[in-house]
Amino acid sequence: MADFAAIPADLEEEADYWDTESENLSSAGQSAGALTMTGWQGGLFFALIGDYNTGTEYISDLCRDGSAAFEDIGAALRINAGYYRQADADSVDELVSVPDGY
């Protein structure tokens, strides 16, 4: 038989994981954004800088979007953990309110 009491804790542990991954992805996006170059930095590759910068901005944007999605996943897991806890509390309340003799 499954241990339903552990479900909220497991969900919150997973939410913590997604929050950590969100922070990691956000950090990666910031690092990618910092890789854009100016014409001076490009030197001989001046003609390619526009495409290069477009690529770094694209990667940075993807990381930012992914980070936000990961935060949403963590929030959804925490909400579900709360629902499990509330359902468990409601079940206990119903059992406690059953009259003697049943």
Protein backbone atom coordinates (compact mmCIF):
# COMPACT_ATOMS: atom_id res chain seq x y z
CA MET A 1 0.00 0.00 0.00
CA ALA A 2 1.28 3.45 -0.87
CA ASP A 3 2.30 5.89 1.84
CA PHE A 4 0.05 8.82 0.94
CA ALA A 5 1.37 10.88 3.84
CA ALA A 6 4.71 11.11 2.05
CA ILE A 7 3.22 12.55 -1.14
CA PRO A 8 3.23 16.24 -0.09
CA ALA A 9 6.82 16.01 1.13
CA ASP A 10 7.86 14.31 -2.12
CA LEU A 11 6.10 16.99 -4.15
CA GLU A 12 7.81 19.74 -2.19
CA GLU A 13 11.18 18.02 -2.66
CA GLU A 14 10.55 17.95 -6.41
CA ALA A 15 9.51 21.63 -6.28
CA ASP A 16 12.84 22.46 -4.61
CA TYR A 17 14.62 20.60 -7.42
CA TRP A 18 12.80 22.62 -10.09
CA ASP A 19 13.55 25.86 -8.23
CA THR A 20 17.25 24.97 -8.17
CA GLU A 21 17.21 24.13 -11.86
CA SER A 22 15.42 27.41 -12.55
CA GLU A 23 18.22 29.29 -10.82
CA ASN A 24 20.84 27.30 -12.75
CA LEU A 25 19.14 27.98 -16.07
CA SER A 26 18.77 31.66 -15.22
CA SER A 27 22.47 31.83 -14.43
CA ALA A 28 23.31 30.13 -17.73
CA GLY A 29 21.14 32.66 -19.56
CA GLN A 30 22.91 35.54 -17.89
CA SER A 31 26.25 34.03 -18.84
CA ALA A 32 25.13 33.62 -22.45
CA GLY A 33 23.90 37.21 -22.52
CA ALA A 34 27.28 38.39 -21.29
CA LEU A 35 28.94 36.78 -24.32
CA THR A 36 27.69 39.40 -26.80
CA MET A 37 30.50 41.25 -28.54
CA THR A 38 31.08 44.68 -29.95
CA GLY A 39 32.74 45.35 -33.30
CA TRP A 40 35.96 46.18 -31.49
CA GLN A 41 35.97 42.85 -29.67
CA GLY A 42 35.23 40.94 -32.88
CA GLY A 43 38.28 42.20 -34.70
CA LEU A 44 38.71 40.23 -37.91
CA PHE A 45 35.33 38.56 -37.45
CA PHE A 46 33.45 41.87 -37.51
CA ALA A 47 31.11 40.66 -40.27
CA LEU A 48 29.94 37.73 -38.14
CA ILE A 49 29.24 39.66 -34.95
CA GLY A 50 25.59 40.36 -35.78
CA ASP A 51 24.80 36.67 -36.25
CA TYR A 52 26.85 35.74 -33.20
CA ASN A 53 25.08 38.31 -31.01
CA THR A 54 21.70 37.18 -32.34
CA GLY A 55 22.60 33.64 -31.28
CA THR A 56 23.70 34.64 -27.80
CA GLU A 57 20.53 36.71 -27.32
CA TYR A 58 18.42 33.77 -28.53
CA ILE A 59 20.09 31.39 -26.07
CA SER A 60 19.73 33.93 -23.28
CA ASP A 61 16.02 34.36 -24.07
CA LEU A 62 15.47 30.58 -24.13
CA CYS A 63 17.16 30.24 -20.76
CA ARG A 64 15.04 33.04 -19.30
CA ASP A 65 11.84 31.45 -20.65
CA GLY A 66 12.90 28.02 -19.40
CA SER A 67 13.74 29.43 -15.99
CA ALA A 68 10.25 30.95 -15.72
CA ALA A 69 8.68 27.65 -16.79
CA PHE A 70 10.72 25.77 -14.17
CA GLU A 71 9.51 28.22 -11.51
CA ASP A 72 5.93 27.54 -12.64
CA ILE A 73 6.50 23.79 -12.33
CA GLY A 74 7.82 24.24 -8.78
CA ALA A 75 4.84 26.41 -7.87
CA ALA A 76 2.38 23.87 -9.31
CA LEU A 77 4.01 21.08 -7.30
CA ARG A 78 3.73 23.13 -4.11
CA ILE A 79 0.07 23.87 -4.83
CA ASN A 80 -0.60 20.16 -5.30
CA ALA A 81 1.23 19.34 -2.08
CA GLY A 82 -1.10 21.80 -0.35
CA TYR A 83 -4.13 20.11 -1.91
CA TYR A 84 -2.92 16.72 -0.64
CA ARG A 85 -2.45 18.13 2.87
CA GLN A 86 -5.88 19.77 2.81
CA ALA A 87 -7.56 16.59 1.54
CA ASP A 88 -5.82 14.62 4.28
CA ALA A 89 -6.96 17.12 6.93
CA ASP A 90 -10.52 17.04 5.54
CA SER A 91 -10.54 13.23 5.70
CA VAL A 92 -9.41 13.28 9.32
CA ASP A 93 -12.12 15.81 10.15
CA GLU A 94 -14.75 13.58 8.53
CA LEU A 95 -13.54 10.52 10.44
CA VAL A 96 -13.50 12.40 13.73
CA SER A 97 -17.05 13.64 13.17
CA VAL A 98 -18.50 10.14 12.64
CA PRO A 99 -20.92 9.42 15.51
CA ASP A 100 -20.28 6.52 17.86
CA GLY A 101 -21.79 3.27 16.74
CA TYR A 102 -20.82 3.52 13.11
